[in-house]
C-alpha atoms as a PDB file:
ATOM      1  CA  UNK A   1      31.387  61.037 107.068  1.00  0.00           C
ATOM      2  CA  UNK A   2      32.376  61.434 110.525  1.00  0.00           C
ATOM      3  CA  UNK A   3      32.944  64.467 112.293  1.00  0.00           C
ATOM      4  CA  UNK A   4      36.842  63.611 112.646  1.00  0.00           C
ATOM      5  CA  UNK A   5      37.349  62.747 109.058  1.00  0.00           C
ATOM      6  CA  UNK A   6      35.490  66.250 108.040  1.00  0.00           C
ATOM      7  CA  UNK A   7      37.680  68.028 110.258  1.00  0.00           C
ATOM      8  CA  UNK A   8      40.707  66.337 108.678  1.00  0.00           C
ATOM      9  CA  UNK A   9      39.592  67.405 105.290  1.00  0.00           C
ATOM     10  CA  UNK A  10      38.768  71.064 106.337  1.00  0.00           C
ATOM     11  CA  UNK A  11      42.198  71.430 108.134  1.00  0.00           C
ATOM     12  CA  UNK A  12      43.992  70.189 104.915  1.00  0.00           C
ATOM     13  CA  UNK A  13      42.265  72.280 102.817  1.00  0.00           C
ATOM     14  CA  UNK A  14      42.862  75.511 104.951  1.00  0.00           C
ATOM     15  CA  UNK A  15      46.468  74.451 104.991  1.00  0.00           C
ATOM     16  CA  UNK A  16      46.604  74.219 101.166  1.00  0.00           C
ATOM     17  CA  UNK A  17      45.012  77.738 100.604  1.00  0.00           C
ATOM     18  CA  UNK A  18      47.238  79.341 103.035  1.00  0.00           C
ATOM     19  CA  UNK A  19      50.235  77.586 101.223  1.00  0.00           C
ATOM     20  CA  UNK A  20      48.956  78.915  98.146  1.00  0.00           C
ATOM     21  CA  UNK A  21      48.515  82.373  99.578  1.00  0.00           C
ATOM     22  CA  UNK A  22      52.211  82.306 100.699  1.00  0.00           C
ATOM     23  CA  UNK A  23      53.287  81.364  97.225  1.00  0.00           C
ATOM     24  CA  UNK A  24      51.335  83.211  95.039  1.00  0.00           C
ATOM     25  CA  UNK A  25      51.512  86.516  97.514  1.00  0.00           C
ATOM     26  CA  UNK A  26      53.775  88.545  94.715  1.00  0.00           C
ATOM     27  CA  UNK A  27      51.281  87.990  92.149  1.00  0.00           C
ATOM     28  CA  UNK A  28      48.406  88.439  93.971  1.00  0.00           C
ATOM     29  CA  UNK A  29      49.401  91.712  95.652  1.00  0.00           C
ATOM     30  CA  UNK A  30      50.641  92.883  92.310  1.00  0.00           C
ATOM     31  CA  UNK A  31      47.459  92.369  90.895  1.00  0.00           C
ATOM     32  CA  UNK A  32      45.447  94.073  93.910  1.00  0.00           C
ATOM     33  CA  UNK A  33      47.672  96.979  93.698  1.00  0.00           C
ATOM     34  CA  UNK A  34      47.340  97.537  89.704  1.00  0.00           C
ATOM     35  CA  UNK A  35      43.429  97.057  90.331  1.00  0.00           C
ATOM     36  CA  UNK A  36      43.296  99.548  93.028  1.00  0.00           C
ATOM     37  CA  UNK A  37      45.224 102.168  90.978  1.00  0.00           C
ATOM     38  CA  UNK A  38      43.098 101.289  87.844  1.00  0.00           C
ATOM     39  CA  UNK A  39      39.630 101.643  89.618  1.00  0.00           C
ATOM     40  CA  UNK A  40      40.202 103.948  92.759  1.00  0.00           C
ATOM     41  CA  UNK A  41      42.692 106.006  91.546  1.00  0.00           C
ATOM     42  CA  UNK A  42      41.674 106.264  88.041  1.00  0.00           C
ATOM     43  CA  UNK A  43      44.989 105.061  86.595  1.00  0.00           C
ATOM     44  CA  UNK A  44      47.461 107.724  88.000  1.00  0.00           C
ATOM     45  CA  UNK A  45      49.583 107.415  91.202  1.00  0.00           C
ATOM     46  CA  UNK A  46      53.020 108.135  91.979  1.00  0.00           C
ATOM     47  CA  UNK A  47      55.593 105.388  91.724  1.00  0.00           C
ATOM     48  CA  UNK A  48      56.823 105.328  95.463  1.00  0.00           C
ATOM     49  CA  UNK A  49      53.128 105.356  96.539  1.00  0.00           C
ATOM     50  CA  UNK A  50      52.507 102.543  94.357  1.00  0.00           C
ATOM     51  CA  UNK A  51      55.637 100.518  95.287  1.00  0.00           C
ATOM     52  CA  UNK A  52      54.545 100.971  99.081  1.00  0.00           C
ATOM     53  CA  UNK A  53      51.015 100.149  98.281  1.00  0.00           C
ATOM     54  CA  UNK A  54      52.125  96.824  96.379  1.00  0.00           C
ATOM     55  CA  UNK A  55      54.521  95.904  99.206  1.00  0.00           C
ATOM     56  CA  UNK A  56      51.635  96.379 101.572  1.00  0.00           C
ATOM     57  CA  UNK A  57      49.107  93.929  99.521  1.00  0.00           C
ATOM     58  CA  UNK A  58      51.864  91.250  99.308  1.00  0.00           C
ATOM     59  CA  UNK A  59      52.482  91.584 102.924  1.00  0.00           C
ATOM     60  CA  UNK A  60      48.885  90.947 103.711  1.00  0.00           C
ATOM     61  CA  UNK A  61      48.590  88.119 101.238  1.00  0.00           C
ATOM     62  CA  UNK A  62      51.678  86.566 102.964  1.00  0.00           C
ATOM     63  CA  UNK A  63      50.509  87.187 106.493  1.00  0.00           C
ATOM     64  CA  UNK A  64      46.945  85.690 105.836  1.00  0.00           C
ATOM     65  CA  UNK A  65      48.741  82.440 103.905  1.00  0.00           C
ATOM     66  CA  UNK A  66      51.080  82.176 107.046  1.00  0.00           C
ATOM     67  CA  UNK A  67      48.108  82.330 109.369  1.00  0.00           C
ATOM     68  CA  UNK A  68      46.153  79.751 107.214  1.00  0.00           C
ATOM     69  CA  UNK A  69      48.793  77.482 106.750  1.00  0.00           C
ATOM     70  CA  UNK A  70      49.951  77.514 110.478  1.00  0.00           C
ATOM     71  CA  UNK A  71      46.499  76.860 111.918  1.00  0.00           C
ATOM     72  CA  UNK A  72      45.458  74.347 109.134  1.00  0.00           C
ATOM     73  CA  UNK A  73      48.576  72.351 109.697  1.00  0.00           C
ATOM     74  CA  UNK A  74      48.506  72.335 113.349  1.00  0.00           C
ATOM     75  CA  UNK A  75      44.884  70.974 113.473  1.00  0.00           C
ATOM     76  CA  UNK A  76      45.939  68.315 110.660  1.00  0.00           C
ATOM     77  CA  UNK A  77      48.715  66.998 112.612  1.00  0.00           C
ATOM     78  CA  UNK A  78      46.728  67.175 115.816  1.00  0.00           C
ATOM     79  CA  UNK A  79      43.802  64.966 114.251  1.00  0.00           C
ATOM     80  CA  UNK A  80      46.472  62.581 112.507  1.00  0.00           C
ATOM     81  CA  UNK A  81      48.420  62.000 115.612  1.00  0.00           C
ATOM     82  CA  UNK A  82      45.124  61.280 117.454  1.00  0.00           C
ATOM     83  CA  UNK A  83      44.087  58.984 114.761  1.00  0.00           C
ATOM     84  CA  UNK A  84      47.240  56.926 115.263  1.00  0.00           C
ATOM     85  CA  UNK A  85      46.854  56.288 118.948  1.00  0.00           C
END
């Protein structure tokens, strides 16, 4: 396998992972917040604090997904446009 085709595959995989994180960020953020409360807070936390924490986890997953999708898509389009020349 050539280096360019390996980089194409990696960039597509990074884009897919980023898209998955963007789409599933509410579920992943909710699960992460619930796990934090269950393990670190021993199952008890005020509602306002939980909501802020949950939204922060969702935003973190959304940001990571956007970065991965952007970088992966940029390199995928770059590699595919080079191969067309």
